[in-house]
Structures are given as structure tokens and as C-alpha cells.
Amino acid sequence: MDILLAILQLALLFAGWFLYTYVKKLPDQVHAKNLKAFELDLNKQLEEFRNQLTTDLELMKINESQLHIHKTQEFSKLVEVLLISLTDKDYVRKLGSDKRIQKEHNKKMLDLGTKLFFFASDETVKKFVEWRKYSLAVDTPQYEAKQVIIILAELIVLIRKDLGYSQTKCTKDDFLHIMLTDWDRYEREG
């Protein structure tokens, strides 16, 4: 019976030790289980967030691309009107005398200027306003035809930057060499 009692005590001691180590490891096991569940949930949320960001980014790229096309078209129309009003002598003559052409020109300038205000950078808008004010001062003593062309060339360079060539090395002089055959002479005058 002593042997049976000793085996029973040993079994009881072993069961107590097993229960003690199990209970001792239980908080770590619960914590590890909860941590895994939390990590799994967090990973799932992060993946959903990443997918949403990717979708939003793609939509923004599409919208930006469509906006860029529209912006390019509007800038092209503006430059065309500006260049015609400076280089087409018949148009300029009619603009000075024909009320219908004046009204049509003013309407185009208002429309294109408004679109420029929406699509262009602040610097470009300010340069357009400077050009507009200066070109409207044609009958004043401080008006110089050369200066209105220089301001226009600066505006064209800024429009170029707004269209994606922000690091352009082109200057107003480059544009003026394209537009005018004798810009070298004026450039030397300062």
C-alpha cells in the first residue's frame, strides 16, 4: 500500500506540476492567439486600404490625363487667339474698326481667360493679367509694341511649364526667335 500511496502521490504531484505549467502558459497562449487574430485583422484592413488607395490613384491618373488633354486644348486655343491678334495684320485692322469682330474677340478672351484662370498656375494667371493690362494700354505713352510681345513670350513659357515641362530650359528668347525673324536685333538692344 505504501507503494500505491507513493505512486498516487507521485501521480498527484505530476498532475499538479502539469496543471501549474499549463495555467502558467495559458496567458501567453491566449495573448499569442489574440495577437495572431489582431495581426490577421490588421493585415486584412491594410490590404483593403492598399487596394482602395491603388484604385483611387488609378482614377486620379485617369482624371489627370483627361484634364491634361482638356488643358492642352484650351491653352492651344488661347495661344492661337493671342498670336492671331498680334501677327495677323488684317485681323488687327478689323479688330480696330469692326464692332462685331471686337465683340467676338472680347468674348473669346473672356472665355479663354476664365479657362486659363481654372487650369493654369498662379504665375501663369498673373502673367496673363499683366499681358492683358499692358495690351489694353496701347494708346498710352508708356506702351511699347516690343514689350507686349516680350510679355506674351514669357506667358508662353509659363504655359509650357503648366503643360508638364516644369524643368524647361527654354526661355522667352527661344520663343521669340521662333516667332520673329529679326529678334536678334531687338535682343541686342536690350
C-alpha atoms as a PDB file:
ATOM      1  CA  MET A   1       0.000   0.000   0.000  1.00  0.00           C
ATOM      2  CA  ASP A   2       2.905   2.292   0.614  1.00  0.00           C
ATOM      3  CA  ILE A   3       3.927   1.798  -2.979  1.00  0.00           C
ATOM      4  CA  LEU A   4       0.417   2.547  -4.175  1.00  0.00           C
ATOM      5  CA  LEU A   5       0.300   5.634  -1.987  1.00  0.00           C
ATOM      6  CA  ALA A   6       3.714   6.734  -3.260  1.00  0.00           C
ATOM      7  CA  ILE A   7       2.602   6.200  -6.889  1.00  0.00           C
ATOM      8  CA  LEU A   8      -0.604   8.111  -6.202  1.00  0.00           C
ATOM      9  CA  GLN A   9       1.338  10.949  -4.567  1.00  0.00           C
ATOM     10  CA  LEU A  10       3.750  10.966  -7.486  1.00  0.00           C
ATOM     11  CA  ALA A  11       0.847  10.992  -9.956  1.00  0.00           C
ATOM     12  CA  LEU A  12      -0.799  13.777  -7.982  1.00  0.00           C
ATOM     13  CA  LEU A  13       2.451  15.689  -7.893  1.00  0.00           C
ATOM     14  CA  PHE A  14       2.920  15.160 -11.651  1.00  0.00           C
ATOM     15  CA  ALA A  15      -0.703  16.265 -12.329  1.00  0.00           C
ATOM     16  CA  GLY A  16      -0.171  19.327 -10.119  1.00  0.00           C
ATOM     17  CA  TRP A  17       3.039  20.221 -11.931  1.00  0.00           C
ATOM     18  CA  PHE A  18       1.331  19.707 -15.321  1.00  0.00           C
ATOM     19  CA  LEU A  19      -1.641  21.853 -14.239  1.00  0.00           C
ATOM     20  CA  TYR A  20       0.690  24.530 -12.869  1.00  0.00           C
ATOM     21  CA  THR A  21       2.734  24.751 -16.121  1.00  0.00           C
ATOM     22  CA  TYR A  22      -0.443  24.700 -18.228  1.00  0.00           C
ATOM     23  CA  VAL A  23      -2.007  27.513 -16.198  1.00  0.00           C
ATOM     24  CA  LYS A  24       1.291  29.396 -16.223  1.00  0.00           C
ATOM     25  CA  LYS A  25       1.490  29.213 -20.083  1.00  0.00           C
ATOM     26  CA  LEU A  26      -2.222  29.935 -20.594  1.00  0.00           C
ATOM     27  CA  PRO A  27      -1.935  33.777 -20.595  1.00  0.00           C
ATOM     28  CA  ASP A  28       0.912  33.605 -23.141  1.00  0.00           C
ATOM     29  CA  GLN A  29      -1.122  31.254 -25.327  1.00  0.00           C
ATOM     30  CA  VAL A  30      -4.222  33.477 -25.095  1.00  0.00           C
ATOM     31  CA  HIS A  31      -2.089  36.538 -25.825  1.00  0.00           C
ATOM     32  CA  ALA A  32      -0.423  34.840 -28.810  1.00  0.00           C
ATOM     33  CA  LYS A  33      -3.819  33.714 -30.142  1.00  0.00           C
ATOM     34  CA  ASN A  34      -5.279  37.224 -29.746  1.00  0.00           C
ATOM     35  CA  LEU A  35      -2.147  38.771 -31.272  1.00  0.00           C
ATOM     36  CA  LYS A  36      -2.418  36.489 -34.320  1.00  0.00           C
ATOM     37  CA  ALA A  37      -6.105  37.350 -34.707  1.00  0.00           C
ATOM     38  CA  PHE A  38      -5.278  41.055 -34.366  1.00  0.00           C
ATOM     39  CA  GLU A  39      -2.429  40.783 -36.912  1.00  0.00           C
ATOM     40  CA  LEU A  40      -4.675  38.910 -39.314  1.00  0.00           C
ATOM     41  CA  ASP A  41      -7.399  41.548 -38.947  1.00  0.00           C
ATOM     42  CA  LEU A  42      -4.874  44.370 -39.281  1.00  0.00           C
ATOM     43  CA  ASN A  43      -3.327  42.788 -42.389  1.00  0.00           C
ATOM     44  CA  LYS A  44      -6.782  42.394 -43.901  1.00  0.00           C
ATOM     45  CA  GLN A  45      -7.603  46.057 -43.196  1.00  0.00           C
ATOM     46  CA  LEU A  46      -4.226  47.186 -44.568  1.00  0.00           C
ATOM     47  CA  GLU A  47      -4.750  45.147 -47.732  1.00  0.00           C
ATOM     48  CA  GLU A  48      -8.224  46.658 -48.213  1.00  0.00           C
ATOM     49  CA  PHE A  49      -6.777  50.143 -47.623  1.00  0.00           C
ATOM     50  CA  ARG A  50      -3.939  49.491 -50.084  1.00  0.00           C
ATOM     51  CA  ASN A  51      -6.413  48.249 -52.703  1.00  0.00           C
ATOM     52  CA  GLN A  52      -8.576  51.338 -52.173  1.00  0.00           C
ATOM     53  CA  LEU A  53      -5.537  53.616 -52.480  1.00  0.00           C
ATOM     54  CA  THR A  54      -4.460  51.846 -55.663  1.00  0.00           C
ATOM     55  CA  THR A  55      -7.943  52.246 -57.120  1.00  0.00           C
ATOM     56  CA  ASP A  56      -8.086  55.911 -56.112  1.00  0.00           C
ATOM     57  CA  LEU A  57      -4.627  56.527 -57.547  1.00  0.00           C
ATOM     58  CA  GLU A  58      -5.579  54.941 -60.862  1.00  0.00           C
ATOM     59  CA  LEU A  59      -8.754  57.049 -61.007  1.00  0.00           C
ATOM     60  CA  MET A  60      -6.720  60.165 -60.238  1.00  0.00           C
ATOM     61  CA  LYS A  61      -4.280  59.285 -63.030  1.00  0.00           C
ATOM     62  CA  ILE A  62      -7.163  58.855 -65.470  1.00  0.00           C
ATOM     63  CA  ASN A  63      -8.745  62.146 -64.371  1.00  0.00           C
ATOM     64  CA  GLU A  64      -5.379  63.924 -64.550  1.00  0.00           C
ATOM     65  CA  SER A  65      -4.809  62.554 -68.031  1.00  0.00           C
ATOM     66  CA  GLN A  66      -8.231  63.713 -69.198  1.00  0.00           C
ATOM     67  CA  LEU A  67      -7.739  67.096 -67.542  1.00  0.00           C
ATOM     68  CA  HIS A  68      -4.315  67.429 -69.164  1.00  0.00           C
ATOM     69  CA  ILE A  69      -5.819  66.805 -72.612  1.00  0.00           C
ATOM     70  CA  HIS A  70      -8.516  69.415 -71.983  1.00  0.00           C
ATOM     71  CA  LYS A  71      -5.994  71.846 -70.528  1.00  0.00           C
ATOM     72  CA  THR A  72      -3.736  71.424 -73.566  1.00  0.00           C
ATOM     73  CA  GLN A  73      -6.641  72.126 -75.912  1.00  0.00           C
ATOM     74  CA  GLU A  74      -7.649  75.271 -74.031  1.00  0.00           C
ATOM     75  CA  PHE A  75      -4.063  76.542 -73.833  1.00  0.00           C
ATOM     76  CA  SER A  76      -3.669  75.907 -77.582  1.00  0.00           C
ATOM     77  CA  LYS A  77      -6.822  77.912 -78.311  1.00  0.00           C
ATOM     78  CA  LEU A  78      -5.586  80.759 -76.123  1.00  0.00           C
ATOM     79  CA  VAL A  79      -2.161  80.866 -77.771  1.00  0.00           C
ATOM     80  CA  GLU A  80      -3.786  80.779 -81.195  1.00  0.00           C
ATOM     81  CA  VAL A  81      -6.010  83.773 -80.358  1.00  0.00           C
ATOM     82  CA  LEU A  82      -3.091  85.671 -78.829  1.00  0.00           C
ATOM     83  CA  LEU A  83      -0.816  85.062 -81.795  1.00  0.00           C
ATOM     84  CA  ILE A  84      -3.503  85.936 -84.338  1.00  0.00           C
ATOM     85  CA  SER A  85      -4.210  89.189 -82.516  1.00  0.00           C
ATOM     86  CA  LEU A  86      -0.515  90.077 -82.768  1.00  0.00           C
ATOM     87  CA  THR A  87       0.559  88.702 -86.139  1.00  0.00           C
ATOM     88  CA  ASP A  88      -2.453  88.870 -88.486  1.00  0.00           C
ATOM     89  CA  LYS A  89      -2.458  92.472 -89.743  1.00  0.00           C
ATOM     90  CA  ASP A  90      -5.875  92.152 -91.408  1.00  0.00           C
ATOM     91  CA  TYR A  91      -7.392  90.796 -88.187  1.00  0.00           C
ATOM     92  CA  VAL A  92      -5.789  93.571 -86.139  1.00  0.00           C
ATOM     93  CA  ARG A  93      -7.091  96.198 -88.576  1.00  0.00           C
ATOM     94  CA  LYS A  94     -10.610  94.735 -88.436  1.00  0.00           C
ATOM     95  CA  LEU A  95     -10.343  94.454 -84.666  1.00  0.00           C
ATOM     96  CA  GLY A  96      -9.707  98.191 -84.507  1.00  0.00           C
ATOM     97  CA  SER A  97     -12.705  99.109 -86.667  1.00  0.00           C
ATOM     98  CA  ASP A  98     -15.307  96.319 -86.769  1.00  0.00           C
ATOM     99  CA  LYS A  99     -17.543  96.222 -83.658  1.00  0.00           C
ATOM    100  CA  ARG A 100     -18.696  92.680 -84.394  1.00  0.00           C
ATOM    101  CA  ILE A 101     -15.096  91.397 -84.515  1.00  0.00           C
ATOM    102  CA  GLN A 102     -14.278  93.368 -81.369  1.00  0.00           C
ATOM    103  CA  LYS A 103     -17.217  91.815 -79.552  1.00  0.00           C
ATOM    104  CA  GLU A 104     -16.287  88.323 -80.767  1.00  0.00           C
ATOM    105  CA  HIS A 105     -12.632  88.856 -79.757  1.00  0.00           C
ATOM    106  CA  ASN A 106     -13.612  90.126 -76.304  1.00  0.00           C
ATOM    107  CA  LYS A 107     -15.906  87.133 -75.830  1.00  0.00           C
ATOM    108  CA  LYS A 108     -13.098  84.734 -76.816  1.00  0.00           C
ATOM    109  CA  MET A 109     -10.656  86.487 -74.488  1.00  0.00           C
ATOM    110  CA  LEU A 110     -13.119  86.332 -71.597  1.00  0.00           C
ATOM    111  CA  ASP A 111     -13.808  82.644 -72.206  1.00  0.00           C
ATOM    112  CA  LEU A 112     -10.168  81.681 -72.635  1.00  0.00           C
ATOM    113  CA  GLY A 113      -9.012  83.918 -69.779  1.00  0.00           C
ATOM    114  CA  THR A 114     -11.559  82.292 -67.470  1.00  0.00           C
ATOM    115  CA  LYS A 115     -10.419  78.819 -68.504  1.00  0.00           C
ATOM    116  CA  LEU A 116      -6.817  79.890 -68.001  1.00  0.00           C
ATOM    117  CA  PHE A 117      -7.770  81.007 -64.502  1.00  0.00           C
ATOM    118  CA  PHE A 118      -9.067  77.497 -63.755  1.00  0.00           C
ATOM    119  CA  PHE A 119      -6.343  75.446 -65.420  1.00  0.00           C
ATOM    120  CA  ALA A 120      -3.145  77.461 -65.104  1.00  0.00           C
ATOM    121  CA  SER A 121      -0.752  78.075 -62.254  1.00  0.00           C
ATOM    122  CA  ASP A 122      -0.912  81.315 -60.293  1.00  0.00           C
ATOM    123  CA  GLU A 123       2.234  82.565 -62.004  1.00  0.00           C
ATOM    124  CA  THR A 124       0.707  81.994 -65.448  1.00  0.00           C
ATOM    125  CA  VAL A 125      -2.555  83.701 -64.500  1.00  0.00           C
ATOM    126  CA  LYS A 126      -0.633  86.714 -63.145  1.00  0.00           C
ATOM    127  CA  LYS A 127       1.424  86.914 -66.361  1.00  0.00           C
ATOM    128  CA  PHE A 128      -1.752  86.733 -68.467  1.00  0.00           C
ATOM    129  CA  VAL A 129      -3.263  89.582 -66.431  1.00  0.00           C
ATOM    130  CA  GLU A 130      -0.040  91.587 -66.911  1.00  0.00           C
ATOM    131  CA  TRP A 131      -0.171  90.949 -70.673  1.00  0.00           C
ATOM    132  CA  ARG A 132      -3.863  91.845 -70.831  1.00  0.00           C
ATOM    133  CA  LYS A 133      -3.409  95.102 -68.912  1.00  0.00           C
ATOM    134  CA  TYR A 134      -0.399  96.068 -70.975  1.00  0.00           C
ATOM    135  CA  SER A 135      -2.078  95.270 -74.292  1.00  0.00           C
ATOM    136  CA  LEU A 136      -5.110  97.358 -73.284  1.00  0.00           C
ATOM    137  CA  ALA A 137      -2.797 100.337 -72.675  1.00  0.00           C
ATOM    138  CA  VAL A 138      -1.981 100.552 -76.400  1.00  0.00           C
ATOM    139  CA  ASP A 139      -2.855 104.251 -76.673  1.00  0.00           C
ATOM    140  CA  THR A 140      -0.768 105.382 -73.694  1.00  0.00           C
ATOM    141  CA  PRO A 141       2.688 106.999 -73.923  1.00  0.00           C
ATOM    142  CA  GLN A 142       4.424 104.191 -71.962  1.00  0.00           C
ATOM    143  CA  TYR A 143       3.194 101.468 -74.372  1.00  0.00           C
ATOM    144  CA  GLU A 144       5.869  99.714 -76.457  1.00  0.00           C
ATOM    145  CA  ALA A 145       4.909  97.110 -79.038  1.00  0.00           C
ATOM    146  CA  LYS A 146       8.107  95.217 -78.260  1.00  0.00           C
ATOM    147  CA  GLN A 147       7.156  94.893 -74.576  1.00  0.00           C
ATOM    148  CA  VAL A 148       3.736  93.349 -75.276  1.00  0.00           C
ATOM    149  CA  ILE A 149       5.458  90.677 -77.372  1.00  0.00           C
ATOM    150  CA  ILE A 150       8.044  90.032 -74.638  1.00  0.00           C
ATOM    151  CA  ILE A 151       5.294  89.613 -72.014  1.00  0.00           C
ATOM    152  CA  LEU A 152       3.474  87.254 -74.394  1.00  0.00           C
ATOM    153  CA  ALA A 153       6.647  85.171 -74.827  1.00  0.00           C
ATOM    154  CA  GLU A 154       7.028  84.976 -71.025  1.00  0.00           C
ATOM    155  CA  LEU A 155       3.388  83.852 -70.836  1.00  0.00           C
ATOM    156  CA  ILE A 156       4.001  81.153 -73.452  1.00  0.00           C
ATOM    157  CA  VAL A 157       6.976  79.804 -71.447  1.00  0.00           C
ATOM    158  CA  LEU A 158       4.806  79.670 -68.307  1.00  0.00           C
ATOM    159  CA  ILE A 159       2.068  77.848 -70.217  1.00  0.00           C
ATOM    160  CA  ARG A 160       4.738  75.382 -71.369  1.00  0.00           C
ATOM    161  CA  LYS A 161       5.650  74.778 -67.729  1.00  0.00           C
ATOM    162  CA  ASP A 162       1.973  74.275 -66.818  1.00  0.00           C
ATOM    163  CA  LEU A 163       1.686  71.657 -69.542  1.00  0.00           C
ATOM    164  CA  GLY A 164       4.258  69.448 -67.857  1.00  0.00           C
ATOM    165  CA  TYR A 165       7.648  70.870 -68.782  1.00  0.00           C
ATOM    166  CA  SER A 166       8.300  72.334 -65.338  1.00  0.00           C
ATOM    167  CA  GLN A 167      12.069  71.956 -65.713  1.00  0.00           C
ATOM    168  CA  THR A 168      12.186  73.519 -69.186  1.00  0.00           C
ATOM    169  CA  LYS A 169      15.380  75.257 -70.198  1.00  0.00           C
ATOM    170  CA  CYS A 170      13.542  77.199 -72.924  1.00  0.00           C
ATOM    171  CA  THR A 171      13.213  80.937 -72.392  1.00  0.00           C
ATOM    172  CA  LYS A 172      11.181  83.781 -73.806  1.00  0.00           C
ATOM    173  CA  ASP A 173      14.055  84.474 -76.201  1.00  0.00           C
ATOM    174  CA  ASP A 174      13.775  80.954 -77.622  1.00  0.00           C
ATOM    175  CA  PHE A 175      10.105  81.544 -78.342  1.00  0.00           C
ATOM    176  CA  LEU A 176      10.777  84.995 -79.774  1.00  0.00           C
ATOM    177  CA  HIS A 177      13.402  83.520 -82.120  1.00  0.00           C
ATOM    178  CA  ILE A 178      10.716  81.103 -83.331  1.00  0.00           C
ATOM    179  CA  MET A 179       8.101  83.837 -83.709  1.00  0.00           C
ATOM    180  CA  LEU A 180      10.197  86.706 -85.073  1.00  0.00           C
ATOM    181  CA  THR A 181      12.823  86.567 -87.795  1.00  0.00           C
ATOM    182  CA  ASP A 182      14.659  89.653 -86.540  1.00  0.00           C
ATOM    183  CA  TRP A 183      14.611  89.046 -82.786  1.00  0.00           C
ATOM    184  CA  ASP A 184      18.432  89.029 -82.736  1.00  0.00           C
ATOM    185  CA  ARG A 185      18.410  92.769 -83.465  1.00  0.00           C
ATOM    186  CA  TYR A 186      15.932  93.545 -80.667  1.00  0.00           C
ATOM    187  CA  GLU A 187      17.639  91.178 -78.255  1.00  0.00           C
ATOM    188  CA  ARG A 188      20.935  93.049 -78.662  1.00  0.00           C
ATOM    189  CA  GLU A 189      19.199  96.371 -77.949  1.00  0.00           C
ATOM    190  CA  GLY A 190      18.332  95.069 -74.517  1.00  0.00           C
END
